[in-house]
Amino acid sequence: MRSLIDHARTFPATVAEQQQEFAELARGQRPQALFIACSDSRVMPTMFTGARPGDIFELRTAGNIVPRYRPQAACGVAGTLEYAVTALRVPDIIVCGHSHCGAVQGLMREQTVRTMPLVRRWLGWAGHRPEAVAEEPWQTRLIGEDPTEVTQRHLLTQVEHLRSYPCVARRVATGRLRLHAWFYTVETGEVLVGTPGGRAFQPL
């Protein structure tokens, strides 16, 4: 914690050296993309994309889960998504999964989250089986032996959930919004991208 505090205390000096850039940011934002990533501390989108302040509008959720559209739901994910698409008019949405994801491990093996009821309920929105409901998240367990393959399947499901949002569907249909599936490998830093209409991932 000390290193975080020390950096925060000295950061105004950094801003002072880039005064014009930060003054422009104060007047508004026009991010290049909405970046939906896992909350995992090992995943730092600004580090592996080289994004500068104002470049990406970040949304972090456990397991980079995007619940399917529910009109009456008060959902922070849905509200952030709607704002990025409707108010900021981002041209791209990236959903980024990663290797060694604890949320995906929970989806594969329910016992790993047995003592965390709130986590179990959240995983219920991952939507890997039609019959899955939030009250019974164990029904959403992913089947598979290869964690990378399972995580990538999970990632593609979340991208498909994006299409259930009317604001997203409208802009995708008119070519004003593009959806992307990225997979980040923690130990190598490599980013793979899901191929359109398929399950294969290849280097970005």
Protein backbone atom coordinates (compact mmCIF):
# COMPACT_ATOMS: atom_id res chain seq x y z
CA MET A 1 0.00 0.00 0.00
CA ARG A 2 2.87 2.39 0.75
CA SER A 3 4.07 2.38 -2.86
CA LEU A 4 0.56 3.25 -4.07
CA ILE A 5 0.31 6.16 -1.64
CA ASP A 6 3.75 7.46 -2.54
CA HIS A 7 2.95 7.40 -6.26
CA ALA A 8 -0.39 9.15 -5.75
CA ARG A 9 1.35 11.91 -3.79
CA THR A 10 3.90 12.57 -6.53
CA PHE A 11 1.51 12.17 -9.49
CA PRO A 12 0.50 15.86 -9.65
CA ALA A 13 4.09 16.62 -10.62
CA THR A 14 3.73 14.25 -13.58
CA VAL A 15 0.50 15.96 -14.62
CA ALA A 16 2.18 19.35 -14.40
CA GLU A 17 4.74 18.18 -16.97
CA GLN A 18 1.90 17.26 -19.36
CA GLN A 19 -0.42 20.11 -18.55
CA GLN A 20 -1.85 20.61 -22.04
CA GLU A 21 -2.80 16.93 -22.45
CA PHE A 22 -4.58 16.77 -19.12
CA ALA A 23 -6.30 20.12 -19.67
CA GLU A 24 -7.83 18.72 -22.86
CA LEU A 25 -9.03 15.64 -20.96
CA ALA A 26 -10.78 17.90 -18.46
CA ARG A 27 -12.94 19.25 -21.29
CA GLY A 28 -14.36 15.82 -22.17
CA GLN A 29 -13.59 12.30 -23.31
CA ARG A 30 -13.70 10.48 -26.63
CA PRO A 31 -12.36 6.99 -25.91
CA GLN A 32 -11.35 4.73 -28.76
CA ALA A 33 -13.04 1.70 -27.21
CA LEU A 34 -14.98 0.26 -24.31
CA PHE A 35 -12.63 -2.29 -22.76
CA ILE A 36 -14.38 -4.97 -20.68
CA ALA A 37 -11.84 -6.92 -18.68
CA CYS A 38 -11.66 -9.17 -15.66
CA SER A 39 -11.04 -7.54 -12.27
CA ASP A 40 -7.93 -9.71 -11.87
CA SER A 41 -4.98 -7.61 -10.65
CA ARG A 42 -2.65 -9.28 -13.15
CA VAL A 43 -4.61 -7.91 -16.11
CA MET A 44 -3.71 -4.28 -16.84
CA PRO A 45 -5.21 -3.16 -20.17
CA THR A 46 -3.29 0.12 -20.24
CA MET A 47 -0.02 -1.78 -19.90
CA PHE A 48 -0.43 -4.20 -22.81
CA THR A 49 -2.32 -1.81 -25.11
CA GLY A 50 -0.17 1.23 -24.39
CA ALA A 51 -3.35 3.26 -23.87
CA ARG A 52 -3.00 6.84 -22.76
CA PRO A 53 -5.49 8.67 -20.50
CA GLY A 54 -8.71 9.09 -22.47
CA ASP A 55 -8.04 6.21 -24.87
CA ILE A 56 -10.15 3.44 -23.30
CA PHE A 57 -13.31 3.42 -21.22
CA GLU A 58 -12.76 0.54 -18.78
CA LEU A 59 -15.31 -1.83 -17.28
CA ARG A 60 -13.92 -4.44 -14.91
CA THR A 61 -16.00 -7.36 -13.66
CA ALA A 62 -15.11 -10.70 -12.06
CA GLY A 63 -14.60 -13.07 -14.98
CA ASN A 64 -15.30 -10.28 -17.52
CA ILE A 65 -18.93 -11.39 -17.30
CA VAL A 66 -21.52 -9.42 -19.26
CA PRO A 67 -25.02 -10.49 -18.15
CA ARG A 68 -27.58 -10.79 -20.92
CA TYR A 69 -29.85 -7.77 -21.36
CA ARG A 70 -32.62 -7.51 -18.76
CA PRO A 71 -34.83 -4.42 -19.30
CA GLN A 72 -35.84 -3.94 -15.66
CA ALA A 73 -32.52 -4.81 -14.03
CA ALA A 74 -30.51 -2.21 -12.12
CA CYS A 75 -27.10 -3.42 -13.25
CA GLY A 76 -23.83 -1.52 -13.13
CA VAL A 77 -22.49 -3.45 -16.11
CA ALA A 78 -25.54 -2.63 -18.23
CA GLY A 79 -25.48 1.04 -17.21
CA THR A 80 -21.79 1.41 -18.03
CA LEU A 81 -22.27 -0.36 -21.36
CA GLU A 82 -25.23 1.84 -22.29
CA TYR A 83 -23.32 5.02 -21.42
CA ALA A 84 -20.28 3.99 -23.47
CA VAL A 85 -22.37 3.11 -26.51
CA THR A 86 -25.06 5.80 -26.35
CA ALA A 87 -23.34 8.82 -24.81
CA LEU A 88 -19.70 8.28 -25.75
CA ARG A 89 -20.47 6.45 -29.01
CA VAL A 90 -17.43 4.22 -28.81
CA PRO A 91 -16.72 2.58 -32.18
CA ASP A 92 -15.34 -0.63 -30.66
CA ILE A 93 -15.99 -2.90 -27.67
CA ILE A 94 -13.30 -5.32 -26.56
CA VAL A 95 -14.12 -8.12 -24.14
CA CYS A 96 -10.83 -9.40 -22.76
CA GLY A 97 -10.49 -12.71 -20.96
CA HIS A 98 -7.22 -14.07 -19.61
CA SER A 99 -5.31 -17.17 -18.59
CA HIS A 100 -5.53 -18.49 -15.02
CA CYS A 101 -8.91 -16.81 -14.44
CA GLY A 102 -10.32 -17.59 -10.99
CA ALA A 103 -13.89 -16.91 -12.11
CA VAL A 104 -13.62 -19.45 -14.91
CA GLN A 105 -12.16 -21.94 -12.44
CA GLY A 106 -15.27 -21.36 -10.34
CA LEU A 107 -17.45 -22.05 -13.37
CA MET A 108 -15.57 -25.27 -14.03
CA ARG A 109 -15.41 -26.43 -10.40
CA GLU A 110 -18.14 -25.07 -8.15
CA GLN A 111 -16.34 -26.22 -5.01
CA THR A 112 -13.71 -23.49 -5.47
CA VAL A 113 -16.33 -20.82 -4.75
CA ARG A 114 -18.54 -22.81 -2.35
CA THR A 115 -17.76 -20.47 0.58
CA MET A 116 -18.47 -17.30 -1.46
CA PRO A 117 -22.23 -17.09 -2.08
CA LEU A 118 -22.09 -13.66 -3.70
CA VAL A 119 -19.44 -14.84 -6.15
CA ARG A 120 -21.52 -17.94 -6.91
CA ARG A 121 -24.55 -15.78 -7.68
CA TRP A 122 -22.51 -13.52 -9.94
CA LEU A 123 -21.15 -16.50 -11.87
CA GLY A 124 -24.75 -17.49 -12.50
CA TRP A 125 -24.98 -14.65 -15.03
CA ALA A 126 -22.21 -16.13 -17.20
CA GLY A 127 -24.94 -17.88 -19.21
CA HIS A 128 -23.35 -21.09 -20.37
CA ARG A 129 -26.56 -23.14 -20.31
CA PRO A 130 -30.03 -21.98 -21.33
CA GLU A 131 -31.53 -23.23 -18.07
CA ALA A 132 -29.05 -21.32 -15.90
CA VAL A 133 -30.50 -18.79 -13.48
CA ALA A 134 -28.75 -16.56 -10.95
CA GLU A 135 -30.18 -18.47 -8.00
CA GLU A 136 -28.52 -21.67 -9.18
CA PRO A 137 -25.12 -20.69 -10.56
CA TRP A 138 -23.75 -24.22 -10.31
CA GLN A 139 -25.89 -25.03 -13.35
CA THR A 140 -23.61 -22.79 -15.44
CA ARG A 141 -20.47 -24.84 -14.96
CA LEU A 142 -18.32 -25.08 -18.07
CA ILE A 143 -17.29 -28.53 -19.17
CA GLY A 144 -13.77 -29.14 -20.44
CA GLU A 145 -10.27 -30.21 -19.52
CA ASP A 146 -8.20 -27.43 -21.08
CA PRO A 147 -8.56 -24.22 -19.02
CA THR A 148 -7.46 -22.06 -21.96
CA GLU A 149 -10.08 -23.53 -24.28
CA VAL A 150 -12.77 -23.24 -21.61
CA THR A 151 -11.87 -19.63 -20.89
CA GLN A 152 -12.00 -18.76 -24.57
CA ARG A 153 -15.45 -20.36 -24.92
CA HIS A 154 -16.57 -18.34 -21.91
CA LEU A 155 -15.17 -15.19 -23.50
CA LEU A 156 -17.06 -15.71 -26.76
CA THR A 157 -20.28 -16.23 -24.78
CA GLN A 158 -19.85 -12.83 -23.14
CA VAL A 159 -19.34 -11.19 -26.54
CA GLU A 160 -22.60 -12.77 -27.70
CA HIS A 161 -24.34 -11.38 -24.61
CA LEU A 162 -23.40 -7.90 -25.82
CA ARG A 163 -25.58 -8.42 -28.87
CA SER A 164 -28.64 -8.83 -26.62
CA TYR A 165 -28.48 -5.12 -25.70
CA PRO A 166 -30.64 -3.05 -28.08
CA CYS A 167 -28.21 -0.12 -28.13
CA VAL A 168 -25.38 -2.47 -29.11
CA ALA A 169 -27.40 -4.43 -31.65
CA ARG A 170 -28.54 -1.26 -33.44
CA ARG A 171 -25.05 0.14 -33.84
CA VAL A 172 -23.55 -3.21 -34.85
CA ALA A 173 -26.25 -3.63 -37.50
CA THR A 174 -25.42 -0.25 -39.04
CA GLY A 175 -21.67 -0.82 -38.94
CA ARG A 176 -21.01 1.87 -36.35
CA LEU A 177 -19.84 -0.56 -33.68
CA ARG A 178 -17.46 -3.51 -33.79
CA LEU A 179 -17.15 -6.28 -31.18
CA HIS A 180 -13.88 -8.01 -30.35
CA ALA A 181 -12.85 -11.02 -28.23
CA TRP A 182 -9.32 -10.84 -26.82
CA PHE A 183 -7.50 -13.40 -24.71
CA TYR A 184 -4.53 -12.20 -22.65
CA THR A 185 -1.86 -14.67 -21.53
CA VAL A 186 -0.53 -13.59 -18.14
CA GLU A 187 2.85 -15.35 -18.28
CA THR A 188 3.84 -14.23 -21.80
CA GLY A 189 1.88 -11.02 -22.40
CA GLU A 190 0.59 -12.41 -25.71
CA VAL A 191 -2.86 -11.31 -26.85
CA LEU A 192 -4.97 -13.65 -28.97
CA VAL A 193 -8.11 -12.64 -30.82
CA GLY A 194 -11.20 -14.72 -31.54
CA THR A 195 -11.94 -15.20 -35.20
CA PRO A 196 -15.34 -13.89 -36.41
CA GLY A 197 -18.00 -16.59 -36.43
CA GLY A 198 -15.65 -19.27 -35.10
CA ARG A 199 -14.05 -20.61 -31.95
CA ALA A 200 -10.42 -20.39 -33.00
CA PHE A 201 -8.12 -17.79 -31.42
CA GLN A 202 -5.00 -16.53 -33.17
CA PRO A 203 -2.31 -13.93 -32.45
CA LEU A 204 -3.57 -10.37 -32.60
